[in-house]
Amino acid sequence: MPKMKTKRSASKRVRTTGSGKLLRQSQFSGCHHILEKKSPKRKRKFRKLIEVSSGDRKRLIKLIPSLGA
């Protein structure tokens, strides 16, 4: 049986915490694109990492087999 390979694009976009939660960057957070209309509060919130939802978590575990183990 061949080894299970990780989807590299998925693994570069997600990081895990010590307790096993998956974190991702918030959407619409392109730091250099169309910033004038976005409020400072909104731009500040984009910096934080967000926990991945449960449905997406199941999908990511298929893409990154080492997360499910």
PDB file of N, CA and C in Angstrom:
ATOM      1  N   MET A   1       0.847  -1.184   0.000  1.00  0.00           N
ATOM      2  CA  MET A   1       0.000   0.000   0.000  1.00  0.00           C
ATOM      3  C   MET A   1       0.889   1.244   0.000  1.00  0.00           C
ATOM      4  N   PRO A   2       0.657   2.187  -0.904  1.00  0.00           N
ATOM      5  CA  PRO A   2       1.488   3.400  -0.923  1.00  0.00           C
ATOM      6  C   PRO A   2       1.172   4.325   0.254  1.00  0.00           C
ATOM      7  N   LYS A   3       2.099   5.213   0.513  1.00  0.00           N
ATOM      8  CA  LYS A   3       1.897   6.186   1.595  1.00  0.00           C
ATOM      9  C   LYS A   3       0.784   7.157   1.229  1.00  0.00           C
ATOM     10  N   MET A   4       0.097   7.678   2.251  1.00  0.00           N
ATOM     11  CA  MET A   4      -0.910   8.709   2.017  1.00  0.00           C
ATOM     12  C   MET A   4      -0.198  10.051   1.940  1.00  0.00           C
ATOM     13  N   LYS A   5      -0.439  10.777   0.873  1.00  0.00           N
ATOM     14  CA  LYS A   5       0.249  12.052   0.692  1.00  0.00           C
ATOM     15  C   LYS A   5      -0.627  13.211   1.153  1.00  0.00           C
ATOM     16  N   THR A   6       0.026  14.221   1.701  1.00  0.00           N
ATOM     17  CA  THR A   6      -0.644  15.431   2.147  1.00  0.00           C
ATOM     18  C   THR A   6      -0.817  16.383   0.974  1.00  0.00           C
ATOM     19  N   LYS A   7      -1.980  17.027   0.900  1.00  0.00           N
ATOM     20  CA  LYS A   7      -2.166  18.110  -0.070  1.00  0.00           C
ATOM     21  C   LYS A   7      -1.411  19.315   0.462  1.00  0.00           C
ATOM     22  N   ARG A   8      -0.314  19.662  -0.178  1.00  0.00           N
ATOM     23  CA  ARG A   8       0.581  20.696   0.335  1.00  0.00           C
ATOM     24  C   ARG A   8      -0.100  22.057   0.402  1.00  0.00           C
ATOM     25  N   SER A   9      -0.973  22.349  -0.550  1.00  0.00           N
ATOM     26  CA  SER A   9      -1.652  23.655  -0.550  1.00  0.00           C
ATOM     27  C   SER A   9      -2.525  23.806   0.689  1.00  0.00           C
ATOM     28  N   ALA A  10      -3.165  22.718   1.122  1.00  0.00           N
ATOM     29  CA  ALA A  10      -4.012  22.771   2.311  1.00  0.00           C
ATOM     30  C   ALA A  10      -3.165  22.911   3.568  1.00  0.00           C
ATOM     31  N   SER A  11      -2.053  22.189   3.626  1.00  0.00           N
ATOM     32  CA  SER A  11      -1.232  22.220   4.846  1.00  0.00           C
ATOM     33  C   SER A  11      -0.567  23.581   5.051  1.00  0.00           C
ATOM     34  N   LYS A  12      -0.350  24.321   3.969  1.00  0.00           N
ATOM     35  CA  LYS A  12       0.259  25.646   4.097  1.00  0.00           C
ATOM     36  C   LYS A  12      -0.736  26.693   4.592  1.00  0.00           C
ATOM     37  N   ARG A  13      -2.034  26.406   4.458  1.00  0.00           N
ATOM     38  CA  ARG A  13      -3.066  27.373   4.843  1.00  0.00           C
ATOM     39  C   ARG A  13      -3.632  27.149   6.238  1.00  0.00           C
ATOM     40  N   VAL A  14      -3.265  26.047   6.878  1.00  0.00           N
ATOM     41  CA  VAL A  14      -3.851  25.683   8.165  1.00  0.00           C
ATOM     42  C   VAL A  14      -2.749  25.423   9.164  1.00  0.00           C
ATOM     43  N   ARG A  15      -2.973  25.816  10.411  1.00  0.00           N
ATOM     44  CA  ARG A  15      -2.034  25.451  11.475  1.00  0.00           C
ATOM     45  C   ARG A  15      -2.805  24.899  12.654  1.00  0.00           C
ATOM     46  N   THR A  16      -2.161  24.027  13.409  1.00  0.00           N
ATOM     47  CA  THR A  16      -2.837  23.371  14.522  1.00  0.00           C
ATOM     48  C   THR A  16      -2.381  23.952  15.847  1.00  0.00           C
ATOM     49  N   THR A  17      -3.285  23.947  16.819  1.00  0.00           N
ATOM     50  CA  THR A  17      -2.944  24.379  18.167  1.00  0.00           C
ATOM     51  C   THR A  17      -2.507  23.151  18.963  1.00  0.00           C
ATOM     52  N   GLY A  18      -2.071  23.363  20.174  1.00  0.00           N
ATOM     53  CA  GLY A  18      -1.654  22.263  21.023  1.00  0.00           C
ATOM     54  C   GLY A  18      -2.789  21.325  21.359  1.00  0.00           C
ATOM     55  N   SER A  19      -4.015  21.862  21.457  1.00  0.00           N
ATOM     56  CA  SER A  19      -5.169  21.032  21.802  1.00  0.00           C
ATOM     57  C   SER A  19      -5.781  20.358  20.580  1.00  0.00           C
ATOM     58  N   GLY A  20      -5.241  20.630  19.391  1.00  0.00           N
ATOM     59  CA  GLY A  20      -5.722  19.945  18.188  1.00  0.00           C
ATOM     60  C   GLY A  20      -6.702  20.733  17.351  1.00  0.00           C
ATOM     61  N   LYS A  21      -6.984  21.987  17.716  1.00  0.00           N
ATOM     62  CA  LYS A  21      -7.873  22.807  16.896  1.00  0.00           C
ATOM     63  C   LYS A  21      -7.131  23.249  15.638  1.00  0.00           C
ATOM     64  N   LEU A  22      -7.882  23.498  14.578  1.00  0.00           N
ATOM     65  CA  LEU A  22      -7.303  23.982  13.334  1.00  0.00           C
ATOM     66  C   LEU A  22      -7.572  25.476  13.205  1.00  0.00           C
ATOM     67  N   LEU A  23      -6.549  26.240  12.863  1.00  0.00           N
ATOM     68  CA  LEU A  23      -6.694  27.681  12.696  1.00  0.00           C
ATOM     69  C   LEU A  23      -6.415  28.054  11.254  1.00  0.00           C
ATOM     70  N   ARG A  24      -7.142  29.045  10.773  1.00  0.00           N
ATOM     71  CA  ARG A  24      -6.934  29.556   9.421  1.00  0.00           C
ATOM     72  C   ARG A  24      -6.965  31.069   9.458  1.00  0.00           C
ATOM     73  N   GLN A  25      -6.486  31.683   8.391  1.00  0.00           N
ATOM     74  CA  GLN A  25      -6.539  33.137   8.292  1.00  0.00           C
ATOM     75  C   GLN A  25      -7.956  33.535   7.890  1.00  0.00           C
ATOM     76  N   SER A  26      -8.414  34.699   8.334  1.00  0.00           N
ATOM     77  CA  SER A  26      -9.768  35.123   8.003  1.00  0.00           C
ATOM     78  C   SER A  26      -9.849  35.524   6.537  1.00  0.00           C
ATOM     79  N   GLN A  27     -11.024  35.347   5.960  1.00  0.00           N
ATOM     80  CA  GLN A  27     -11.204  35.687   4.560  1.00  0.00           C
ATOM     81  C   GLN A  27     -11.290  37.206   4.383  1.00  0.00           C
ATOM     82  N   PHE A  28     -11.107  37.679   3.184  1.00  0.00           N
ATOM     83  CA  PHE A  28     -11.093  39.104   2.819  1.00  0.00           C
ATOM     84  C   PHE A  28      -9.963  39.850   3.516  1.00  0.00           C
ATOM     85  N   SER A  29      -8.878  39.171   3.863  1.00  0.00           N
ATOM     86  CA  SER A  29      -7.827  39.810   4.642  1.00  0.00           C
ATOM     87  C   SER A  29      -6.602  40.135   3.793  1.00  0.00           C
ATOM     88  N   GLY A  30      -6.784  40.282   2.489  1.00  0.00           N
ATOM     89  CA  GLY A  30      -5.657  40.672   1.651  1.00  0.00           C
ATOM     90  C   GLY A  30      -5.111  42.000   2.138  1.00  0.00           C
ATOM     91  N   CYS A  31      -3.917  41.992   2.687  1.00  0.00           N
ATOM     92  CA  CYS A  31      -3.391  43.142   3.424  1.00  0.00           C
ATOM     93  C   CYS A  31      -3.136  44.356   2.541  1.00  0.00           C
ATOM     94  N   HIS A  32      -2.999  44.162   1.262  1.00  0.00           N
ATOM     95  CA  HIS A  32      -2.552  45.264   0.412  1.00  0.00           C
ATOM     96  C   HIS A  32      -3.612  45.697  -0.601  1.00  0.00           C
ATOM     97  N   HIS A  33      -4.839  45.188  -0.487  1.00  0.00           N
ATOM     98  CA  HIS A  33      -5.785  45.354  -1.579  1.00  0.00           C
ATOM     99  C   HIS A  33      -7.054  46.079  -1.117  1.00  0.00           C
ATOM    100  N   ILE A  34      -7.346  47.216  -1.725  1.00  0.00           N
ATOM    101  CA  ILE A  34      -8.559  47.999  -1.455  1.00  0.00           C
ATOM    102  C   ILE A  34      -8.749  48.248   0.041  1.00  0.00           C
ATOM    103  N   LEU A  35      -7.840  48.985   0.639  1.00  0.00           N
ATOM    104  CA  LEU A  35      -7.869  49.187   2.080  1.00  0.00           C
ATOM    105  C   LEU A  35      -8.586  50.466   2.499  1.00  0.00           C
ATOM    106  N   GLU A  36      -8.765  51.409   1.605  1.00  0.00           N
ATOM    107  CA  GLU A  36      -9.335  52.702   1.992  1.00  0.00           C
ATOM    108  C   GLU A  36     -10.762  52.571   2.501  1.00  0.00           C
ATOM    109  N   LYS A  37     -11.539  51.691   1.898  1.00  0.00           N
ATOM    110  CA  LYS A  37     -12.947  51.571   2.294  1.00  0.00           C
ATOM    111  C   LYS A  37     -13.127  50.721   3.544  1.00  0.00           C
ATOM    112  N   LYS A  38     -12.092  49.997   3.964  1.00  0.00           N
ATOM    113  CA  LYS A  38     -12.208  49.140   5.147  1.00  0.00           C
ATOM    114  C   LYS A  38     -11.814  49.920   6.395  1.00  0.00           C
ATOM    115  N   SER A  39     -12.600  49.779   7.442  1.00  0.00           N
ATOM    116  CA  SER A  39     -12.347  50.527   8.676  1.00  0.00           C
ATOM    117  C   SER A  39     -11.140  49.937   9.404  1.00  0.00           C
ATOM    118  N   PRO A  40     -10.459  50.753  10.214  1.00  0.00           N
ATOM    119  CA  PRO A  40      -9.306  50.250  10.969  1.00  0.00           C
ATOM    120  C   PRO A  40      -9.661  49.068  11.869  1.00  0.00           C
ATOM    121  N   LYS A  41     -10.861  49.105  12.459  1.00  0.00           N
ATOM    122  CA  LYS A  41     -11.297  48.007  13.326  1.00  0.00           C
ATOM    123  C   LYS A  41     -11.407  46.709  12.525  1.00  0.00           C
ATOM    124  N   ARG A  42     -11.959  46.824  11.343  1.00  0.00           N
ATOM    125  CA  ARG A  42     -12.123  45.651  10.477  1.00  0.00           C
ATOM    126  C   ARG A  42     -10.771  45.102  10.029  1.00  0.00           C
ATOM    127  N   LYS A  43      -9.853  45.998   9.679  1.00  0.00           N
ATOM    128  CA  LYS A  43      -8.520  45.561   9.237  1.00  0.00           C
ATOM    129  C   LYS A  43      -7.745  44.913  10.379  1.00  0.00           C
ATOM    130  N   ARG A  44      -7.951  45.393  11.598  1.00  0.00           N
ATOM    131  CA  ARG A  44      -7.302  44.810  12.770  1.00  0.00           C
ATOM    132  C   ARG A  44      -7.799  43.392  13.023  1.00  0.00           C
ATOM    133  N   LYS A  45      -9.103  43.184  12.854  1.00  0.00           N
ATOM    134  CA  LYS A  45      -9.685  41.864  13.084  1.00  0.00           C
ATOM    135  C   LYS A  45      -9.180  40.838  12.071  1.00  0.00           C
ATOM    136  N   PHE A  46      -8.805  41.293  10.881  1.00  0.00           N
ATOM    137  CA  PHE A  46      -8.297  40.376   9.862  1.00  0.00           C
ATOM    138  C   PHE A  46      -6.976  39.730  10.280  1.00  0.00           C
ATOM    139  N   ARG A  47      -6.228  40.375  11.173  1.00  0.00           N
ATOM    140  CA  ARG A  47      -4.921  39.846  11.581  1.00  0.00           C
ATOM    141  C   ARG A  47      -5.028  38.554  12.371  1.00  0.00           C
ATOM    142  N   LYS A  48      -6.138  38.384  13.100  1.00  0.00           N
ATOM    143  CA  LYS A  48      -6.280  37.228  13.974  1.00  0.00           C
ATOM    144  C   LYS A  48      -6.582  35.966  13.166  1.00  0.00           C
ATOM    145  N   LEU A  49      -6.157  34.838  13.711  1.00  0.00           N
ATOM    146  CA  LEU A  49      -6.491  33.556  13.114  1.00  0.00           C
ATOM    147  C   LEU A  49      -7.832  33.091  13.652  1.00  0.00           C
ATOM    148  N   ILE A  50      -8.585  32.386  12.824  1.00  0.00           N
ATOM    149  CA  ILE A  50      -9.924  31.940  13.166  1.00  0.00           C
ATOM    150  C   ILE A  50      -9.942  30.418  13.190  1.00  0.00           C
ATOM    151  N   GLU A  51     -10.743  29.857  14.093  1.00  0.00           N
ATOM    152  CA  GLU A  51     -10.861  28.396  14.148  1.00  0.00           C
ATOM    153  C   GLU A  51     -11.687  27.905  12.952  1.00  0.00           C
ATOM    154  N   VAL A  52     -11.265  26.790  12.377  1.00  0.00           N
ATOM    155  CA  VAL A  52     -11.952  26.198  11.236  1.00  0.00           C
ATOM    156  C   VAL A  52     -13.263  25.572  11.706  1.00  0.00           C
ATOM    157  N   SER A  53     -14.336  25.725  10.929  1.00  0.00           N
ATOM    158  CA  SER A  53     -15.631  25.167  11.304  1.00  0.00           C
ATOM    159  C   SER A  53     -15.593  23.643  11.255  1.00  0.00           C
ATOM    160  N   SER A  54     -16.553  23.016  11.908  1.00  0.00           N
ATOM    161  CA  SER A  54     -16.544  21.551  12.030  1.00  0.00           C
ATOM    162  C   SER A  54     -16.688  20.865  10.669  1.00  0.00           C
ATOM    163  N   GLY A  55     -17.510  21.417   9.774  1.00  0.00           N
ATOM    164  CA  GLY A  55     -17.671  20.831   8.444  1.00  0.00           C
ATOM    165  C   GLY A  55     -16.391  20.908   7.631  1.00  0.00           C
ATOM    166  N   ASP A  56     -15.730  22.057   7.695  1.00  0.00           N
ATOM    167  CA  ASP A  56     -14.473  22.217   6.971  1.00  0.00           C
ATOM    168  C   ASP A  56     -13.372  21.377   7.603  1.00  0.00           C
ATOM    169  N   ARG A  57     -13.457  21.183   8.906  1.00  0.00           N
ATOM    170  CA  ARG A  57     -12.454  20.377   9.608  1.00  0.00           C
ATOM    171  C   ARG A  57     -12.445  18.946   9.067  1.00  0.00           C
ATOM    172  N   LYS A  58     -13.638  18.369   8.859  1.00  0.00           N
ATOM    173  CA  LYS A  58     -13.736  17.014   8.316  1.00  0.00           C
ATOM    174  C   LYS A  58     -13.094  16.941   6.932  1.00  0.00           C
ATOM    175  N   ARG A  59     -13.332  17.978   6.120  1.00  0.00           N
ATOM    176  CA  ARG A  59     -12.776  18.002   4.770  1.00  0.00           C
ATOM    177  C   ARG A  59     -11.253  18.141   4.808  1.00  0.00           C
ATOM    178  N   LEU A  60     -10.755  18.965   5.735  1.00  0.00           N
ATOM    179  CA  LEU A  60      -9.308  19.170   5.842  1.00  0.00           C
ATOM    180  C   LEU A  60      -8.580  17.925   6.321  1.00  0.00           C
ATOM    181  N   ILE A  61      -9.228  17.133   7.170  1.00  0.00           N
ATOM    182  CA  ILE A  61      -8.588  15.915   7.662  1.00  0.00           C
ATOM    183  C   ILE A  61      -8.369  14.931   6.509  1.00  0.00           C
ATOM    184  N   LYS A  62      -9.267  14.947   5.521  1.00  0.00           N
ATOM    185  CA  LYS A  62      -9.058  14.106   4.331  1.00  0.00           C
ATOM    186  C   LYS A  62      -7.870  14.604   3.510  1.00  0.00           C
ATOM    187  N   LEU A  63      -7.703  15.924   3.454  1.00  0.00           N
ATOM    188  CA  LEU A  63      -6.607  16.497   2.670  1.00  0.00           C
ATOM    189  C   LEU A  63      -5.263  16.370   3.377  1.00  0.00           C
ATOM    190  N   ILE A  64      -5.300  16.419   4.717  1.00  0.00           N
ATOM    191  CA  ILE A  64      -4.077  16.348   5.512  1.00  0.00           C
ATOM    192  C   ILE A  64      -4.207  15.152   6.457  1.00  0.00           C
ATOM    193  N   PRO A  65      -3.819  13.966   6.022  1.00  0.00           N
ATOM    194  CA  PRO A  65      -4.059  12.754   6.813  1.00  0.00           C
ATOM    195  C   PRO A  65      -3.404  12.775   8.199  1.00  0.00           C
ATOM    196  N   SER A  66      -2.314  13.484   8.360  1.00  0.00           N
ATOM    197  CA  SER A  66      -1.611  13.494   9.643  1.00  0.00           C
ATOM    198  C   SER A  66      -2.440  14.175  10.740  1.00  0.00           C
ATOM    199  N   LEU A  67      -3.432  14.995  10.374  1.00  0.00           N
ATOM    200  CA  LEU A  67      -4.288  15.656  11.365  1.00  0.00           C
ATOM    201  C   LEU A  67      -5.239  14.671  12.030  1.00  0.00           C
ATOM    202  N   GLY A  68      -5.722  13.698  11.263  1.00  0.00           N
ATOM    203  CA  GLY A  68      -6.683  12.748  11.787  1.00  0.00           C
ATOM    204  C   GLY A  68      -6.077  11.704  12.696  1.00  0.00           C
ATOM    205  N   ALA A  69      -4.771  11.503  12.604  1.00  0.00           N
ATOM    206  CA  ALA A  69      -4.129  10.441  13.391  1.00  0.00           C
ATOM    207  C   ALA A  69      -3.968  10.825  14.836  1.00  0.00           C
TER     208      ALA A  69
END
